[in-house]
Amino acid sequence: MEKLNIAGGDPLRGTVHISGAKNSAVALIPATILADSPVTIEGLPHISDIDTLRDLLEEIGGKYAAS
């Protein structure tokens, strides 16, 4: 597996396309906690793991909106 190490003082902006596989989603949702601004994740699979992570995020003050 490849890694991307970023060193620098400039903020990162952009779009990343990742598959909607369970393993990707279960890693991405907790990573949103580190963001300073709202994060949009599209194409999440409809599985109970996603519901559990949503509930955990809301428990610690995060907001989740499905469209």
N, C-alpha and C. Protein backbone atom coordinates (compact mmCIF):
# COMPACT_ATOMS: atom_id res chain seq x y z
N MET A 1 0.85 -1.18 0.00
CA MET A 1 0.00 0.00 0.00
C MET A 1 0.89 1.24 0.00
N GLU A 2 0.54 2.20 -0.82
CA GLU A 2 1.31 3.43 -0.90
C GLU A 2 0.87 4.41 0.17
N LYS A 3 1.82 5.27 0.57
CA LYS A 3 1.52 6.32 1.54
C LYS A 3 1.82 7.66 0.90
N LEU A 4 1.12 8.67 1.36
CA LEU A 4 1.36 10.02 0.90
C LEU A 4 1.68 10.85 2.13
N ASN A 5 2.94 11.26 2.26
CA ASN A 5 3.36 12.10 3.38
C ASN A 5 3.45 13.53 2.89
N ILE A 6 2.79 14.43 3.59
CA ILE A 6 2.75 15.83 3.18
C ILE A 6 3.40 16.66 4.26
N ALA A 7 4.41 17.42 3.89
CA ALA A 7 5.07 18.32 4.83
C ALA A 7 4.94 19.73 4.30
N GLY A 8 4.56 20.64 5.15
CA GLY A 8 4.43 22.03 4.71
C GLY A 8 3.43 22.76 5.56
N GLY A 9 3.39 24.05 5.40
CA GLY A 9 2.50 24.85 6.22
C GLY A 9 1.26 25.33 5.50
N ASP A 10 1.05 24.90 4.27
CA ASP A 10 -0.11 25.38 3.51
C ASP A 10 -1.29 24.44 3.68
N PRO A 11 -2.51 25.00 3.82
CA PRO A 11 -3.69 24.14 3.94
C PRO A 11 -3.93 23.35 2.66
N LEU A 12 -4.47 22.16 2.82
CA LEU A 12 -4.81 21.32 1.68
C LEU A 12 -6.26 21.56 1.28
N ARG A 13 -6.50 21.65 -0.01
CA ARG A 13 -7.85 21.81 -0.53
C ARG A 13 -7.98 20.93 -1.75
N GLY A 14 -9.18 20.42 -1.96
CA GLY A 14 -9.39 19.64 -3.16
C GLY A 14 -10.39 18.53 -2.97
N THR A 15 -10.43 17.66 -3.95
CA THR A 15 -11.38 16.55 -3.96
C THR A 15 -10.61 15.26 -4.14
N VAL A 16 -11.00 14.25 -3.39
CA VAL A 16 -10.39 12.93 -3.51
C VAL A 16 -11.50 11.94 -3.82
N HIS A 17 -11.32 11.11 -4.82
CA HIS A 17 -12.30 10.09 -5.18
C HIS A 17 -11.81 8.74 -4.65
N ILE A 18 -12.60 8.14 -3.77
CA ILE A 18 -12.26 6.86 -3.16
C ILE A 18 -13.46 5.94 -3.35
N SER A 19 -13.21 4.66 -3.50
CA SER A 19 -14.31 3.71 -3.72
C SER A 19 -15.26 3.72 -2.52
N GLY A 20 -16.48 3.30 -2.75
CA GLY A 20 -17.48 3.26 -1.70
C GLY A 20 -17.42 1.98 -0.88
N ALA A 21 -16.31 1.31 -0.89
CA ALA A 21 -16.18 0.06 -0.15
C ALA A 21 -16.24 0.31 1.35
N LYS A 22 -16.66 -0.69 2.08
CA LYS A 22 -16.80 -0.58 3.53
C LYS A 22 -15.51 -0.12 4.19
N ASN A 23 -14.39 -0.70 3.82
CA ASN A 23 -13.13 -0.36 4.47
C ASN A 23 -12.77 1.11 4.28
N SER A 24 -13.06 1.66 3.11
CA SER A 24 -12.78 3.07 2.86
C SER A 24 -13.67 3.95 3.72
N ALA A 25 -14.94 3.64 3.76
CA ALA A 25 -15.90 4.45 4.51
C ALA A 25 -15.61 4.42 6.01
N VAL A 26 -15.27 3.26 6.52
CA VAL A 26 -15.05 3.13 7.96
C VAL A 26 -13.79 3.90 8.38
N ALA A 27 -12.87 4.13 7.47
CA ALA A 27 -11.68 4.92 7.78
C ALA A 27 -11.93 6.42 7.56
N LEU A 28 -12.71 6.76 6.54
CA LEU A 28 -12.92 8.17 6.21
C LEU A 28 -13.79 8.90 7.23
N ILE A 29 -14.81 8.26 7.72
CA ILE A 29 -15.73 8.96 8.62
C ILE A 29 -15.02 9.44 9.88
N PRO A 30 -14.26 8.61 10.59
CA PRO A 30 -13.54 9.13 11.76
C PRO A 30 -12.50 10.21 11.39
N ALA A 31 -11.93 10.13 10.19
CA ALA A 31 -10.94 11.13 9.77
C ALA A 31 -11.56 12.52 9.63
N THR A 32 -12.86 12.60 9.42
CA THR A 32 -13.50 13.91 9.27
C THR A 32 -13.42 14.73 10.55
N ILE A 33 -13.19 14.08 11.67
CA ILE A 33 -13.06 14.80 12.95
C ILE A 33 -11.90 15.79 12.87
N LEU A 34 -10.89 15.50 12.09
CA LEU A 34 -9.70 16.35 12.00
C LEU A 34 -9.90 17.57 11.11
N ALA A 35 -10.98 17.62 10.37
CA ALA A 35 -11.21 18.73 9.43
C ALA A 35 -11.67 19.98 10.15
N ASP A 36 -11.22 21.13 9.65
CA ASP A 36 -11.64 22.41 10.21
C ASP A 36 -12.93 22.93 9.58
N SER A 37 -13.36 22.33 8.49
CA SER A 37 -14.56 22.78 7.80
C SER A 37 -15.42 21.56 7.46
N PRO A 38 -16.66 21.78 7.03
CA PRO A 38 -17.53 20.65 6.71
C PRO A 38 -16.93 19.74 5.64
N VAL A 39 -17.20 18.46 5.75
CA VAL A 39 -16.71 17.44 4.82
C VAL A 39 -17.91 16.76 4.18
N THR A 40 -17.86 16.56 2.87
CA THR A 40 -18.90 15.83 2.16
C THR A 40 -18.34 14.50 1.68
N ILE A 41 -19.01 13.42 2.05
CA ILE A 41 -18.62 12.09 1.59
C ILE A 41 -19.82 11.53 0.83
N GLU A 42 -19.61 11.19 -0.42
CA GLU A 42 -20.69 10.66 -1.25
C GLU A 42 -20.46 9.18 -1.52
N GLY A 43 -21.53 8.45 -1.75
CA GLY A 43 -21.43 7.05 -2.15
C GLY A 43 -21.14 6.09 -1.02
N LEU A 44 -21.51 6.45 0.20
CA LEU A 44 -21.29 5.54 1.32
C LEU A 44 -22.19 4.31 1.19
N PRO A 45 -21.67 3.15 1.53
CA PRO A 45 -22.52 1.95 1.48
C PRO A 45 -23.56 1.99 2.59
N HIS A 46 -24.68 1.36 2.37
CA HIS A 46 -25.75 1.31 3.38
C HIS A 46 -25.53 0.09 4.26
N ILE A 47 -24.68 0.28 5.30
CA ILE A 47 -24.35 -0.81 6.21
C ILE A 47 -24.43 -0.31 7.64
N SER A 48 -24.58 -1.22 8.58
CA SER A 48 -24.75 -0.83 9.98
C SER A 48 -23.50 -0.15 10.54
N ASP A 49 -22.32 -0.46 10.02
CA ASP A 49 -21.10 0.20 10.51
C ASP A 49 -21.18 1.71 10.31
N ILE A 50 -21.75 2.14 9.20
CA ILE A 50 -21.88 3.57 8.91
C ILE A 50 -22.85 4.20 9.90
N ASP A 51 -23.95 3.53 10.19
CA ASP A 51 -24.91 4.04 11.18
C ASP A 51 -24.26 4.18 12.55
N THR A 52 -23.46 3.21 12.93
CA THR A 52 -22.78 3.25 14.23
C THR A 52 -21.81 4.42 14.29
N LEU A 53 -21.02 4.61 13.24
CA LEU A 53 -20.08 5.73 13.22
C LEU A 53 -20.80 7.07 13.24
N ARG A 54 -21.92 7.17 12.52
CA ARG A 54 -22.72 8.40 12.55
C ARG A 54 -23.18 8.70 13.97
N ASP A 55 -23.68 7.68 14.65
CA ASP A 55 -24.14 7.86 16.03
C ASP A 55 -23.00 8.30 16.94
N LEU A 56 -21.82 7.71 16.76
CA LEU A 56 -20.66 8.08 17.58
C LEU A 56 -20.24 9.52 17.31
N LEU A 57 -20.24 9.93 16.06
CA LEU A 57 -19.89 11.31 15.73
C LEU A 57 -20.86 12.29 16.38
N GLU A 58 -22.14 11.98 16.30
CA GLU A 58 -23.15 12.86 16.91
C GLU A 58 -22.98 12.89 18.43
N GLU A 59 -22.58 11.79 19.02
CA GLU A 59 -22.39 11.71 20.47
C GLU A 59 -21.29 12.65 20.94
N ILE A 60 -20.28 12.87 20.10
CA ILE A 60 -19.18 13.76 20.49
C ILE A 60 -19.35 15.17 19.91
N GLY A 61 -20.55 15.47 19.41
CA GLY A 61 -20.85 16.83 18.96
C GLY A 61 -20.78 17.06 17.47
N GLY A 62 -20.51 16.02 16.70
CA GLY A 62 -20.47 16.16 15.24
C GLY A 62 -21.87 16.23 14.67
N LYS A 63 -21.97 16.73 13.45
CA LYS A 63 -23.26 16.80 12.77
C LYS A 63 -23.19 15.95 11.52
N TYR A 64 -24.27 15.26 11.24
CA TYR A 64 -24.35 14.35 10.11
C TYR A 64 -25.64 14.64 9.36
N ALA A 65 -25.54 14.80 8.07
CA ALA A 65 -26.75 15.02 7.26
C ALA A 65 -26.67 14.12 6.04
N ALA A 66 -27.72 13.36 5.82
CA ALA A 66 -27.79 12.50 4.64
C ALA A 66 -28.66 13.17 3.60
N SER A 67 -28.29 13.00 2.35
CA SER A 67 -29.12 13.59 1.29
C SER A 67 -29.47 12.53 0.27
